[in-house]
């Protein structure tokens, strides 16, 4: 006895929908886990003035919430450090 075509199509469609929902749930779970891990690592301790940085004119906030900029040092090696006062 064979299963009618209509029943087989419904079962196939149901399986595809179930697989798609499961894949979306897994992807969402991975994204949430990655975001939580990144936030935990990225916000370990705010920088202080004079701490080194790597991207010119990047901004961040210090422990008191004040904005700091990544600028080159005026003396010495002219490396990039966190400073107050805006981009130089």
C-alpha atoms as a PDB file:
ATOM      1  CA  UNK A   1       0.000   0.000   0.000  1.00  0.00           C
ATOM      2  CA  UNK A   2       1.413   3.349  -1.002  1.00  0.00           C
ATOM      3  CA  UNK A   3       0.980   6.657   0.786  1.00  0.00           C
ATOM      4  CA  UNK A   4      -0.986   9.242  -1.199  1.00  0.00           C
ATOM      5  CA  UNK A   5       1.116  11.996  -2.795  1.00  0.00           C
ATOM      6  CA  UNK A   6      -0.667  14.742  -0.833  1.00  0.00           C
ATOM      7  CA  UNK A   7       0.261  13.118   2.500  1.00  0.00           C
ATOM      8  CA  UNK A   8       3.897  12.702   1.443  1.00  0.00           C
ATOM      9  CA  UNK A   9       4.097  16.365   0.401  1.00  0.00           C
ATOM     10  CA  UNK A  10       2.638  17.507   3.742  1.00  0.00           C
ATOM     11  CA  UNK A  11       5.132  15.362   5.664  1.00  0.00           C
ATOM     12  CA  UNK A  12       8.037  16.685   3.578  1.00  0.00           C
ATOM     13  CA  UNK A  13       6.928  20.290   4.060  1.00  0.00           C
ATOM     14  CA  UNK A  14       6.533  19.733   7.779  1.00  0.00           C
ATOM     15  CA  UNK A  15      10.040  18.260   8.015  1.00  0.00           C
ATOM     16  CA  UNK A  16      11.520  21.216   6.096  1.00  0.00           C
ATOM     17  CA  UNK A  17       9.781  23.735   8.368  1.00  0.00           C
ATOM     18  CA  UNK A  18      10.910  21.857  11.491  1.00  0.00           C
ATOM     19  CA  UNK A  19      14.510  21.754  10.240  1.00  0.00           C
ATOM     20  CA  UNK A  20      14.461  25.458   9.383  1.00  0.00           C
ATOM     21  CA  UNK A  21      13.088  26.406  12.811  1.00  0.00           C
ATOM     22  CA  UNK A  22      15.683  24.229  14.554  1.00  0.00           C
ATOM     23  CA  UNK A  23      18.515  25.785  12.506  1.00  0.00           C
ATOM     24  CA  UNK A  24      17.285  29.310  13.267  1.00  0.00           C
ATOM     25  CA  UNK A  25      17.059  28.536  16.977  1.00  0.00           C
ATOM     26  CA  UNK A  26      20.583  27.138  16.979  1.00  0.00           C
ATOM     27  CA  UNK A  27      21.954  30.161  15.096  1.00  0.00           C
ATOM     28  CA  UNK A  28      20.215  32.525  17.532  1.00  0.00           C
ATOM     29  CA  UNK A  29      21.631  30.628  20.485  1.00  0.00           C
ATOM     30  CA  UNK A  30      25.147  30.802  19.062  1.00  0.00           C
ATOM     31  CA  UNK A  31      24.820  34.549  18.386  1.00  0.00           C
ATOM     32  CA  UNK A  32      23.599  35.242  21.940  1.00  0.00           C
ATOM     33  CA  UNK A  33      26.410  33.173  23.442  1.00  0.00           C
ATOM     34  CA  UNK A  34      29.040  34.925  21.302  1.00  0.00           C
ATOM     35  CA  UNK A  35      27.658  38.358  22.228  1.00  0.00           C
ATOM     36  CA  UNK A  36      27.637  37.543  25.938  1.00  0.00           C
ATOM     37  CA  UNK A  37      31.219  36.272  25.737  1.00  0.00           C
ATOM     38  CA  UNK A  38      32.384  39.344  23.800  1.00  0.00           C
ATOM     39  CA  UNK A  39      30.740  41.741  26.259  1.00  0.00           C
ATOM     40  CA  UNK A  40      32.255  39.944  29.233  1.00  0.00           C
ATOM     41  CA  UNK A  41      35.738  40.106  27.719  1.00  0.00           C
ATOM     42  CA  UNK A  42      35.532  43.590  26.210  1.00  0.00           C
ATOM     43  CA  UNK A  43      34.464  45.389  29.374  1.00  0.00           C
ATOM     44  CA  UNK A  44      36.977  43.985  31.834  1.00  0.00           C
ATOM     45  CA  UNK A  45      38.535  47.318  32.898  1.00  0.00           C
ATOM     46  CA  UNK A  46      38.322  50.820  31.372  1.00  0.00           C
ATOM     47  CA  UNK A  47      41.575  52.469  30.293  1.00  0.00           C
ATOM     48  CA  UNK A  48      43.373  55.271  32.092  1.00  0.00           C
ATOM     49  CA  UNK A  49      45.066  58.263  30.444  1.00  0.00           C
ATOM     50  CA  UNK A  50      48.399  57.143  29.002  1.00  0.00           C
ATOM     51  CA  UNK A  51      47.382  53.509  28.481  1.00  0.00           C
ATOM     52  CA  UNK A  52      48.236  52.292  24.998  1.00  0.00           C
ATOM     53  CA  UNK A  53      45.565  51.966  22.299  1.00  0.00           C
ATOM     54  CA  UNK A  54      45.663  50.782  18.703  1.00  0.00           C
ATOM     55  CA  UNK A  55      43.154  52.721  16.543  1.00  0.00           C
ATOM     56  CA  UNK A  56      43.780  56.448  15.968  1.00  0.00           C
ATOM     57  CA  UNK A  57      40.784  58.628  16.997  1.00  0.00           C
ATOM     58  CA  UNK A  58      38.892  55.699  18.508  1.00  0.00           C
ATOM     59  CA  UNK A  59      36.824  56.712  21.560  1.00  0.00           C
ATOM     60  CA  UNK A  60      35.947  55.035  24.850  1.00  0.00           C
ATOM     61  CA  UNK A  61      34.977  56.072  28.369  1.00  0.00           C
ATOM     62  CA  UNK A  62      37.027  55.948  31.540  1.00  0.00           C
ATOM     63  CA  UNK A  63      35.899  54.578  34.916  1.00  0.00           C
ATOM     64  CA  UNK A  64      34.045  57.859  35.626  1.00  0.00           C
ATOM     65  CA  UNK A  65      32.240  57.884  32.263  1.00  0.00           C
ATOM     66  CA  UNK A  66      34.369  60.632  30.688  1.00  0.00           C
ATOM     67  CA  UNK A  67      35.147  60.321  26.977  1.00  0.00           C
ATOM     68  CA  UNK A  68      38.728  59.521  26.010  1.00  0.00           C
ATOM     69  CA  UNK A  69      40.335  59.493  22.555  1.00  0.00           C
ATOM     70  CA  UNK A  70      43.129  57.398  21.114  1.00  0.00           C
ATOM     71  CA  UNK A  71      45.776  59.947  20.033  1.00  0.00           C
ATOM     72  CA  UNK A  72      49.494  59.894  19.347  1.00  0.00           C
ATOM     73  CA  UNK A  73      51.883  60.920  22.116  1.00  0.00           C
ATOM     74  CA  UNK A  74      53.471  64.344  21.685  1.00  0.00           C
ATOM     75  CA  UNK A  75      56.897  63.120  22.836  1.00  0.00           C
ATOM     76  CA  UNK A  76      58.914  59.928  22.765  1.00  0.00           C
ATOM     77  CA  UNK A  77      57.899  57.237  20.323  1.00  0.00           C
ATOM     78  CA  UNK A  78      54.704  59.027  19.254  1.00  0.00           C
ATOM     79  CA  UNK A  79      52.798  55.801  19.943  1.00  0.00           C
ATOM     80  CA  UNK A  80      49.033  55.812  20.448  1.00  0.00           C
ATOM     81  CA  UNK A  81      47.671  56.348  23.973  1.00  0.00           C
ATOM     82  CA  UNK A  82      44.322  57.152  25.600  1.00  0.00           C
ATOM     83  CA  UNK A  83      43.928  60.898  26.267  1.00  0.00           C
ATOM     84  CA  UNK A  84      41.243  63.416  27.229  1.00  0.00           C
ATOM     85  CA  UNK A  85      40.391  66.437  25.092  1.00  0.00           C
ATOM     86  CA  UNK A  86      39.315  65.113  21.710  1.00  0.00           C
ATOM     87  CA  UNK A  87      41.096  63.965  18.598  1.00  0.00           C
ATOM     88  CA  UNK A  88      44.442  65.557  17.889  1.00  0.00           C
END
